[in-house]
Amino acid sequence: MPSPFPGMNPYLEQDDAWHDFHERFIPLVATLLGGQLLPRYIVKIDEHIYVHELTEESRRWIGRANVSLGPGPPEAASGPGPGTATEVLEAPAQVQLPAVDRERQSFVEIRDRKNRELITVVELLSPANKYAGPDREQYLAKRGELLNGPVHLVEIDLLRGGPPMPADNRPDCSYSVLVSRAERRPHADFWPIALRQRLPVIPVPVRSPEPDAQLDLQAILDRIYDDAGYAYYIYEGTPGPRLGAEDMEWARQFLPRSLV
């Protein structure tokens, strides 16, 4: 069963669904690209790791309860040998270390099969990339390295929430795809996508003059929607950010009848 929406399904943009969608999207993209690019290229999945210290309300602690160090084993009657400590040094205080949460977000790499040189990176943005904070800064730093090097970047943004990635002359839109070819920078191809618009078929460039691979984003979304069974639970939540009144009225026509 494909997604009932003609384009992006706004109900996927909620905590209960987005991470699952992201982690299904990347392997499927890798599979589809591999079918088009093998054996000249290899298609791999790598991941960003974002480390967050938990808030005080949700904080847990590393390890078990404190265990004080007791005295060492009894010494032999002859006394300690050279360099052997004669007593345990007690620390003046003890502290607890807060645990951290590690968020992993996968992406696709296309590499030359012979020398493993990185050719193209395909990213699907997540809220961690888009909202202000250290995760966005980390992603922008990595993005900057790619844009200043010889690697093509395909950046897919299927989130309405959060400020968009920086780009001059960027059209206003709900969703977007950026395809930055290394040889054309600073210019890049851009697909602005409206809420009610079908997701496009996009190119994934490799070495020129070899032909681009292609990804049908709408077909990918519909396949994941069906495989994941989203129809059975995502409509219990609400899109985030909330749709405006006119868009919400439009969206209601696609909801399961039991929820209308």
C-alpha atoms as a PDB file:
ATOM      1  CA  MET A   1       0.000   0.000   0.000  1.00  0.00           C
ATOM      2  CA  PRO A   2       1.679   3.278  -1.055  1.00  0.00           C
ATOM      3  CA  SER A   3       1.466   6.426   1.016  1.00  0.00           C
ATOM      4  CA  PRO A   4      -1.912   8.095   0.427  1.00  0.00           C
ATOM      5  CA  PHE A   5      -0.343  11.531  -0.005  1.00  0.00           C
ATOM      6  CA  PRO A   6       0.662  12.605  -3.532  1.00  0.00           C
ATOM      7  CA  GLY A   7       4.120  13.625  -2.320  1.00  0.00           C
ATOM      8  CA  MET A   8       5.883  13.627   1.027  1.00  0.00           C
ATOM      9  CA  ASN A   9       3.755  12.305   3.886  1.00  0.00           C
ATOM     10  CA  PRO A  10       3.821  15.020   6.590  1.00  0.00           C
ATOM     11  CA  TYR A  11       2.873  12.467   9.272  1.00  0.00           C
ATOM     12  CA  LEU A  12       6.315  10.909   8.966  1.00  0.00           C
ATOM     13  CA  GLU A  13       7.765  14.051  10.552  1.00  0.00           C
ATOM     14  CA  GLN A  14       7.159  13.040  14.156  1.00  0.00           C
ATOM     15  CA  ASP A  15       9.304  11.442  16.847  1.00  0.00           C
ATOM     16  CA  ASP A  16       7.516   8.113  16.594  1.00  0.00           C
ATOM     17  CA  ALA A  17       8.335   7.642  12.907  1.00  0.00           C
ATOM     18  CA  TRP A  18      11.131   9.792  11.538  1.00  0.00           C
ATOM     19  CA  HIS A  19      14.196   7.926  12.816  1.00  0.00           C
ATOM     20  CA  ASP A  20      12.749   4.630  11.579  1.00  0.00           C
ATOM     21  CA  PHE A  21      12.009   6.192   8.181  1.00  0.00           C
ATOM     22  CA  HIS A  22      15.547   7.600   7.966  1.00  0.00           C
ATOM     23  CA  GLU A  23      17.165   4.269   8.824  1.00  0.00           C
ATOM     24  CA  ARG A  24      15.051   2.443   6.229  1.00  0.00           C
ATOM     25  CA  PHE A  25      15.617   5.102   3.580  1.00  0.00           C
ATOM     26  CA  ILE A  26      19.414   4.966   3.520  1.00  0.00           C
ATOM     27  CA  PRO A  27      19.812   1.161   2.996  1.00  0.00           C
ATOM     28  CA  LEU A  28      17.175   1.202   0.254  1.00  0.00           C
ATOM     29  CA  VAL A  29      18.949   4.076  -1.498  1.00  0.00           C
ATOM     30  CA  ALA A  30      22.234   2.178  -1.243  1.00  0.00           C
ATOM     31  CA  THR A  31      20.619  -0.922  -2.749  1.00  0.00           C
ATOM     32  CA  LEU A  32      19.082   1.019  -5.637  1.00  0.00           C
ATOM     33  CA  LEU A  33      22.333   2.846  -6.396  1.00  0.00           C
ATOM     34  CA  GLY A  34      24.337  -0.354  -6.201  1.00  0.00           C
ATOM     35  CA  GLY A  35      22.092  -1.896  -8.828  1.00  0.00           C
ATOM     36  CA  GLN A  36      22.953   0.957 -11.195  1.00  0.00           C
ATOM     37  CA  LEU A  37      26.634   1.558 -10.387  1.00  0.00           C
ATOM     38  CA  LEU A  38      28.213  -1.828  -9.704  1.00  0.00           C
ATOM     39  CA  PRO A  39      30.851  -2.990 -10.549  1.00  0.00           C
ATOM     40  CA  ARG A  40      32.504   0.320 -11.532  1.00  0.00           C
ATOM     41  CA  TYR A  41      31.706   1.813  -8.121  1.00  0.00           C
ATOM     42  CA  ILE A  42      30.985   0.471  -4.674  1.00  0.00           C
ATOM     43  CA  VAL A  43      28.148   1.853  -2.566  1.00  0.00           C
ATOM     44  CA  LYS A  44      28.643   1.888   1.194  1.00  0.00           C
ATOM     45  CA  ILE A  45      26.719   3.022   4.260  1.00  0.00           C
ATOM     46  CA  ASP A  46      28.533   5.081   6.875  1.00  0.00           C
ATOM     47  CA  GLU A  47      27.187   7.079   9.805  1.00  0.00           C
ATOM     48  CA  HIS A  48      27.474  10.337  11.689  1.00  0.00           C
ATOM     49  CA  ILE A  49      27.633  10.030  15.477  1.00  0.00           C
ATOM     50  CA  TYR A  50      26.202  12.855  17.576  1.00  0.00           C
ATOM     51  CA  VAL A  51      26.998  12.731  21.303  1.00  0.00           C
ATOM     52  CA  HIS A  52      24.545  14.446  23.670  1.00  0.00           C
ATOM     53  CA  GLU A  53      24.748  14.823  27.428  1.00  0.00           C
ATOM     54  CA  LEU A  54      21.338  13.992  28.857  1.00  0.00           C
ATOM     55  CA  THR A  55      19.235  16.671  30.495  1.00  0.00           C
ATOM     56  CA  GLU A  56      19.090  16.690  34.268  1.00  0.00           C
ATOM     57  CA  GLU A  57      15.531  15.337  34.197  1.00  0.00           C
ATOM     58  CA  SER A  58      16.477  12.284  32.134  1.00  0.00           C
ATOM     59  CA  ARG A  59      20.036  11.857  33.398  1.00  0.00           C
ATOM     60  CA  ARG A  60      21.304   8.425  34.326  1.00  0.00           C
ATOM     61  CA  TRP A  61      24.729   7.589  35.679  1.00  0.00           C
ATOM     62  CA  ILE A  62      27.588   5.499  34.379  1.00  0.00           C
ATOM     63  CA  GLY A  63      28.465   2.328  36.265  1.00  0.00           C
ATOM     64  CA  ARG A  64      27.223   0.928  39.529  1.00  0.00           C
ATOM     65  CA  ALA A  65      27.109   2.302  43.059  1.00  0.00           C
ATOM     66  CA  ASN A  66      30.392   3.560  44.448  1.00  0.00           C
ATOM     67  CA  VAL A  67      32.745   0.913  45.839  1.00  0.00           C
ATOM     68  CA  SER A  68      35.426   2.178  48.212  1.00  0.00           C
ATOM     69  CA  LEU A  69      38.896   0.843  47.831  1.00  0.00           C
ATOM     70  CA  GLY A  70      39.920  -1.269  50.805  1.00  0.00           C
ATOM     71  CA  PRO A  71      43.449  -1.958  52.003  1.00  0.00           C
ATOM     72  CA  GLY A  72      45.733  -4.003  49.797  1.00  0.00           C
ATOM     73  CA  PRO A  73      46.601  -7.661  50.413  1.00  0.00           C
ATOM     74  CA  PRO A  74      48.726  -8.456  53.483  1.00  0.00           C
ATOM     75  CA  GLU A  75      52.402  -7.984  52.871  1.00  0.00           C
ATOM     76  CA  ALA A  76      54.877 -10.796  53.198  1.00  0.00           C
ATOM     77  CA  ALA A  77      56.852 -10.977  56.426  1.00  0.00           C
ATOM     78  CA  SER A  78      59.986  -9.888  54.608  1.00  0.00           C
ATOM     79  CA  GLY A  79      58.343  -6.556  53.771  1.00  0.00           C
ATOM     80  CA  PRO A  80      57.603  -4.936  50.425  1.00  0.00           C
ATOM     81  CA  GLY A  81      60.000  -5.284  47.536  1.00  0.00           C
ATOM     82  CA  PRO A  82      61.509  -2.383  45.630  1.00  0.00           C
ATOM     83  CA  GLY A  83      58.879  -0.052  44.084  1.00  0.00           C
ATOM     84  CA  THR A  84      55.919  -1.687  45.886  1.00  0.00           C
ATOM     85  CA  ALA A  85      53.328   0.696  47.382  1.00  0.00           C
ATOM     86  CA  THR A  86      52.913   0.326  51.114  1.00  0.00           C
ATOM     87  CA  GLU A  87      49.402   1.888  51.341  1.00  0.00           C
ATOM     88  CA  VAL A  88      46.358   2.725  49.234  1.00  0.00           C
ATOM     89  CA  LEU A  89      46.084   6.401  48.336  1.00  0.00           C
ATOM     90  CA  GLU A  90      42.536   7.571  49.068  1.00  0.00           C
ATOM     91  CA  ALA A  91      41.095  10.323  46.846  1.00  0.00           C
ATOM     92  CA  PRO A  92      39.788  13.348  48.740  1.00  0.00           C
ATOM     93  CA  ALA A  93      36.386  13.172  46.967  1.00  0.00           C
ATOM     94  CA  GLN A  94      34.276  11.075  44.632  1.00  0.00           C
ATOM     95  CA  VAL A  95      32.141  12.245  41.714  1.00  0.00           C
ATOM     96  CA  GLN A  96      29.593  10.706  39.367  1.00  0.00           C
ATOM     97  CA  LEU A  97      29.879  10.976  35.598  1.00  0.00           C
ATOM     98  CA  PRO A  98      26.681  11.653  33.606  1.00  0.00           C
ATOM     99  CA  ALA A  99      25.934   9.237  30.794  1.00  0.00           C
ATOM    100  CA  VAL A 100      25.704  10.516  27.239  1.00  0.00           C
ATOM    101  CA  ASP A 101      23.301   9.631  24.479  1.00  0.00           C
ATOM    102  CA  ARG A 102      24.802   8.685  21.116  1.00  0.00           C
ATOM    103  CA  GLU A 103      22.610   9.370  18.106  1.00  0.00           C
ATOM    104  CA  ARG A 104      23.684   7.606  14.920  1.00  0.00           C
ATOM    105  CA  GLN A 105      22.561   8.800  11.490  1.00  0.00           C
ATOM    106  CA  SER A 106      23.526   6.890   8.403  1.00  0.00           C
ATOM    107  CA  PHE A 107      24.361   8.210   4.941  1.00  0.00           C
ATOM    108  CA  VAL A 108      25.486   6.751   1.606  1.00  0.00           C
ATOM    109  CA  GLU A 109      28.954   6.879   0.100  1.00  0.00           C
ATOM    110  CA  ILE A 110      29.818   6.073  -3.518  1.00  0.00           C
ATOM    111  CA  ARG A 111      33.493   5.136  -3.941  1.00  0.00           C
ATOM    112  CA  ASP A 112      35.717   4.154  -6.817  1.00  0.00           C
ATOM    113  CA  ARG A 113      36.067   0.379  -6.668  1.00  0.00           C
ATOM    114  CA  LYS A 114      39.756   0.349  -7.587  1.00  0.00           C
ATOM    115  CA  ASN A 115      41.245   2.985  -5.282  1.00  0.00           C
ATOM    116  CA  ARG A 116      38.340   3.528  -2.807  1.00  0.00           C
ATOM    117  CA  GLU A 117      38.339   7.256  -3.556  1.00  0.00           C
ATOM    118  CA  LEU A 118      35.171   8.974  -2.328  1.00  0.00           C
ATOM    119  CA  ILE A 119      33.114  10.196  -5.288  1.00  0.00           C
ATOM    120  CA  THR A 120      29.640  11.101  -3.971  1.00  0.00           C
ATOM    121  CA  VAL A 121      27.833  11.440  -0.634  1.00  0.00           C
ATOM    122  CA  VAL A 122      24.041  11.118  -0.349  1.00  0.00           C
ATOM    123  CA  GLU A 123      22.493  12.609   2.801  1.00  0.00           C
ATOM    124  CA  LEU A 124      18.925  12.528   4.102  1.00  0.00           C
ATOM    125  CA  LEU A 125      18.643  15.366   6.610  1.00  0.00           C
ATOM    126  CA  SER A 126      17.272  14.761  10.097  1.00  0.00           C
ATOM    127  CA  PRO A 127      16.102  17.177  12.808  1.00  0.00           C
ATOM    128  CA  ALA A 128      19.565  17.008  14.406  1.00  0.00           C
ATOM    129  CA  ASN A 129      21.022  18.503  11.218  1.00  0.00           C
ATOM    130  CA  LYS A 130      18.458  21.274  10.885  1.00  0.00           C
ATOM    131  CA  TYR A 131      17.784  22.770  14.316  1.00  0.00           C
ATOM    132  CA  ALA A 132      20.273  25.185  15.857  1.00  0.00           C
ATOM    133  CA  GLY A 133      22.823  23.602  18.152  1.00  0.00           C
ATOM    134  CA  PRO A 134      26.052  21.589  18.185  1.00  0.00           C
ATOM    135  CA  ASP A 135      24.642  18.804  15.968  1.00  0.00           C
ATOM    136  CA  ARG A 136      23.830  21.272  13.188  1.00  0.00           C
ATOM    137  CA  GLU A 137      27.256  22.871  13.582  1.00  0.00           C
ATOM    138  CA  GLN A 138      28.909  19.449  13.325  1.00  0.00           C
ATOM    139  CA  TYR A 139      26.938  18.621  10.191  1.00  0.00           C
ATOM    140  CA  LEU A 140      27.653  22.003   8.598  1.00  0.00           C
ATOM    141  CA  ALA A 141      31.375  21.534   9.255  1.00  0.00           C
ATOM    142  CA  LYS A 142      31.289  18.151   7.501  1.00  0.00           C
ATOM    143  CA  ARG A 143      29.185  19.614   4.696  1.00  0.00           C
ATOM    144  CA  GLY A 144      31.695  22.425   4.289  1.00  0.00           C
ATOM    145  CA  GLU A 145      34.543  19.938   3.917  1.00  0.00           C
ATOM    146  CA  LEU A 146      32.668  18.147   1.138  1.00  0.00           C
ATOM    147  CA  LEU A 147      31.740  21.368  -0.667  1.00  0.00           C
ATOM    148  CA  ASN A 148      35.353  22.528  -0.555  1.00  0.00           C
ATOM    149  CA  GLY A 149      36.636  19.264  -1.994  1.00  0.00           C
ATOM    150  CA  PRO A 150      36.238  17.115  -5.107  1.00  0.00           C
ATOM    151  CA  VAL A 151      33.212  15.131  -3.832  1.00  0.00           C
ATOM    152  CA  HIS A 152      29.663  15.447  -5.209  1.00  0.00           C
ATOM    153  CA  LEU A 153      26.960  16.045  -2.588  1.00  0.00           C
ATOM    154  CA  VAL A 154      23.312  15.015  -2.824  1.00  0.00           C
ATOM    155  CA  GLU A 155      21.352  16.495   0.090  1.00  0.00           C
ATOM    156  CA  ILE A 156      17.712  15.459   0.502  1.00  0.00           C
ATOM    157  CA  ASP A 157      15.544  17.476   2.890  1.00  0.00           C
ATOM    158  CA  LEU A 158      12.120  15.937   3.547  1.00  0.00           C
ATOM    159  CA  LEU A 159      11.504  17.901   6.747  1.00  0.00           C
ATOM    160  CA  ARG A 160       9.385  21.044   6.966  1.00  0.00           C
ATOM    161  CA  GLY A 161      10.714  21.799  10.436  1.00  0.00           C
ATOM    162  CA  GLY A 162      13.932  23.631  11.205  1.00  0.00           C
ATOM    163  CA  PRO A 163      15.863  26.255   9.251  1.00  0.00           C
ATOM    164  CA  PRO A 164      17.079  25.048   5.840  1.00  0.00           C
ATOM    165  CA  MET A 165      20.707  24.475   4.971  1.00  0.00           C
ATOM    166  CA  PRO A 166      22.461  27.658   3.832  1.00  0.00           C
ATOM    167  CA  ALA A 167      22.283  28.436   0.100  1.00  0.00           C
ATOM    168  CA  ASP A 168      22.072  31.753  -1.723  1.00  0.00           C
ATOM    169  CA  ASN A 169      18.970  32.445  -3.850  1.00  0.00           C
ATOM    170  CA  ARG A 170      17.165  29.491  -2.268  1.00  0.00           C
ATOM    171  CA  PRO A 171      13.465  29.375  -3.299  1.00  0.00           C
ATOM    172  CA  ASP A 172      10.878  29.097  -0.542  1.00  0.00           C
ATOM    173  CA  CYS A 173       9.584  25.511  -0.318  1.00  0.00           C
ATOM    174  CA  SER A 174       8.434  22.788   2.065  1.00  0.00           C
ATOM    175  CA  TYR A 175      11.026  20.206   1.005  1.00  0.00           C
ATOM    176  CA  SER A 176      14.053  20.241  -1.248  1.00  0.00           C
ATOM    177  CA  VAL A 177      16.889  18.373  -2.927  1.00  0.00           C
ATOM    178  CA  LEU A 178      20.336  19.840  -3.529  1.00  0.00           C
ATOM    179  CA  VAL A 179      22.717  18.230  -6.027  1.00  0.00           C
ATOM    180  CA  SER A 180      26.133  19.860  -5.865  1.00  0.00           C
ATOM    181  CA  ARG A 181      28.491  18.628  -8.559  1.00  0.00           C
ATOM    182  CA  ALA A 182      32.118  19.234  -7.686  1.00  0.00           C
ATOM    183  CA  GLU A 183      33.017  20.591 -11.123  1.00  0.00           C
ATOM    184  CA  ARG A 184      30.175  23.172 -11.105  1.00  0.00           C
ATOM    185  CA  ARG A 185      30.670  24.781  -7.710  1.00  0.00           C
ATOM    186  CA  PRO A 186      29.701  27.256  -6.399  1.00  0.00           C
ATOM    187  CA  HIS A 187      26.582  26.607  -8.507  1.00  0.00           C
ATOM    188  CA  ALA A 188      24.344  23.673  -7.575  1.00  0.00           C
ATOM    189  CA  ASP A 189      21.114  22.176  -8.907  1.00  0.00           C
ATOM    190  CA  PHE A 190      18.113  22.628  -6.628  1.00  0.00           C
ATOM    191  CA  TRP A 191      14.679  21.036  -6.550  1.00  0.00           C
ATOM    192  CA  PRO A 192      12.151  23.035  -4.476  1.00  0.00           C
ATOM    193  CA  ILE A 193       9.267  20.739  -3.516  1.00  0.00           C
ATOM    194  CA  ALA A 194       5.845  21.856  -2.311  1.00  0.00           C
ATOM    195  CA  LEU A 195       3.813  19.985   0.293  1.00  0.00           C
ATOM    196  CA  ARG A 196       1.267  18.849  -2.321  1.00  0.00           C
ATOM    197  CA  GLN A 197       3.811  18.030  -5.032  1.00  0.00           C
ATOM    198  CA  ARG A 198       5.085  14.595  -6.059  1.00  0.00           C
ATOM    199  CA  LEU A 199       8.639  13.906  -4.951  1.00  0.00           C
ATOM    200  CA  PRO A 200      10.984  14.083  -7.944  1.00  0.00           C
ATOM    201  CA  VAL A 201      13.303  11.683  -9.687  1.00  0.00           C
ATOM    202  CA  ILE A 202      16.775  13.036  -8.949  1.00  0.00           C
ATOM    203  CA  PRO A 203      20.249  12.454 -10.443  1.00  0.00           C
ATOM    204  CA  VAL A 204      23.135  11.075  -8.413  1.00  0.00           C
ATOM    205  CA  PRO A 205      26.351  12.098 -10.166  1.00  0.00           C
ATOM    206  CA  VAL A 206      29.506  10.012 -10.413  1.00  0.00           C
ATOM    207  CA  ARG A 207      32.665  10.574 -12.440  1.00  0.00           C
ATOM    208  CA  SER A 208      32.164  12.667 -15.559  1.00  0.00           C
ATOM    209  CA  PRO A 209      31.448  11.793 -18.355  1.00  0.00           C
ATOM    210  CA  GLU A 210      29.772   8.671 -16.984  1.00  0.00           C
ATOM    211  CA  PRO A 211      25.967   8.904 -16.751  1.00  0.00           C
ATOM    212  CA  ASP A 212      24.269   9.779 -13.473  1.00  0.00           C
ATOM    213  CA  ALA A 213      22.430   7.216 -11.429  1.00  0.00           C
ATOM    214  CA  GLN A 214      18.808   8.071 -10.625  1.00  0.00           C
ATOM    215  CA  LEU A 215      16.593   7.895  -7.555  1.00  0.00           C
ATOM    216  CA  ASP A 216      12.792   8.081  -7.715  1.00  0.00           C
ATOM    217  CA  LEU A 217      12.121   9.574  -4.285  1.00  0.00           C
ATOM    218  CA  GLN A 218       8.360   9.067  -4.454  1.00  0.00           C
ATOM    219  CA  ALA A 219       8.737   5.381  -5.284  1.00  0.00           C
ATOM    220  CA  ILE A 220      11.241   5.014  -2.429  1.00  0.00           C
ATOM    221  CA  LEU A 221       8.873   6.666   0.050  1.00  0.00           C
ATOM    222  CA  ASP A 222       5.929   4.526  -1.063  1.00  0.00           C
ATOM    223  CA  ARG A 223       7.936   1.317  -0.739  1.00  0.00           C
ATOM    224  CA  ILE A 224       9.142   2.186   2.770  1.00  0.00           C
ATOM    225  CA  TYR A 225       5.638   3.237   3.803  1.00  0.00           C
ATOM    226  CA  ASP A 226       4.334  -0.163   2.767  1.00  0.00           C
ATOM    227  CA  ASP A 227       7.197  -2.230   4.214  1.00  0.00           C
ATOM    228  CA  ALA A 228       7.135  -0.406   7.559  1.00  0.00           C
ATOM    229  CA  GLY A 229       3.381  -0.569   8.062  1.00  0.00           C
ATOM    230  CA  TYR A 230       3.162   3.160   8.784  1.00  0.00           C
ATOM    231  CA  ALA A 231      -0.521   3.154   7.841  1.00  0.00           C
ATOM    232  CA  TYR A 232      -1.252   1.367  11.118  1.00  0.00           C
ATOM    233  CA  TYR A 233       0.188   3.907  13.527  1.00  0.00           C
ATOM    234  CA  ILE A 234       1.575   7.220  12.248  1.00  0.00           C
ATOM    235  CA  TYR A 235      -1.853   8.843  12.014  1.00  0.00           C
ATOM    236  CA  GLU A 236      -2.293   8.513  15.763  1.00  0.00           C
ATOM    237  CA  GLY A 237       0.228  11.357  16.075  1.00  0.00           C
ATOM    238  CA  THR A 238       0.362  14.762  14.450  1.00  0.00           C
ATOM    239  CA  PRO A 239       2.736  16.297  11.910  1.00  0.00           C
ATOM    240  CA  GLY A 240       5.470  18.412  13.426  1.00  0.00           C
ATOM    241  CA  PRO A 241       5.490  21.303  12.856  1.00  0.00           C
ATOM    242  CA  ARG A 242       1.724  21.519  12.699  1.00  0.00           C
ATOM    243  CA  LEU A 243       0.147  22.156   9.331  1.00  0.00           C
ATOM    244  CA  GLY A 244      -1.682  25.409   8.742  1.00  0.00           C
ATOM    245  CA  ALA A 245      -5.486  25.323   8.698  1.00  0.00           C
ATOM    246  CA  GLU A 246      -5.745  25.217   4.896  1.00  0.00           C
ATOM    247  CA  ASP A 247      -3.096  22.512   4.520  1.00  0.00           C
ATOM    248  CA  MET A 248      -4.606  20.494   7.369  1.00  0.00           C
ATOM    249  CA  GLU A 249      -7.991  20.578   5.659  1.00  0.00           C
ATOM    250  CA  TRP A 250      -6.301  19.378   2.453  1.00  0.00           C
ATOM    251  CA  ALA A 251      -4.446  16.607   4.307  1.00  0.00           C
ATOM    252  CA  ARG A 252      -7.592  15.258   5.974  1.00  0.00           C
ATOM    253  CA  GLN A 253      -8.792  13.794   2.682  1.00  0.00           C
ATOM    254  CA  PHE A 254      -5.890  11.328   2.747  1.00  0.00           C
ATOM    255  CA  LEU A 255      -6.329  10.123   6.333  1.00  0.00           C
ATOM    256  CA  PRO A 256      -7.859   6.735   7.144  1.00  0.00           C
ATOM    257  CA  ARG A 257     -11.631   7.108   7.343  1.00  0.00           C
ATOM    258  CA  SER A 258     -11.642   6.055  11.005  1.00  0.00           C
ATOM    259  CA  LEU A 259      -9.620   9.181  11.868  1.00  0.00           C
ATOM    260  CA  VAL A 260     -11.497  11.741   9.770  1.00  0.00           C
END
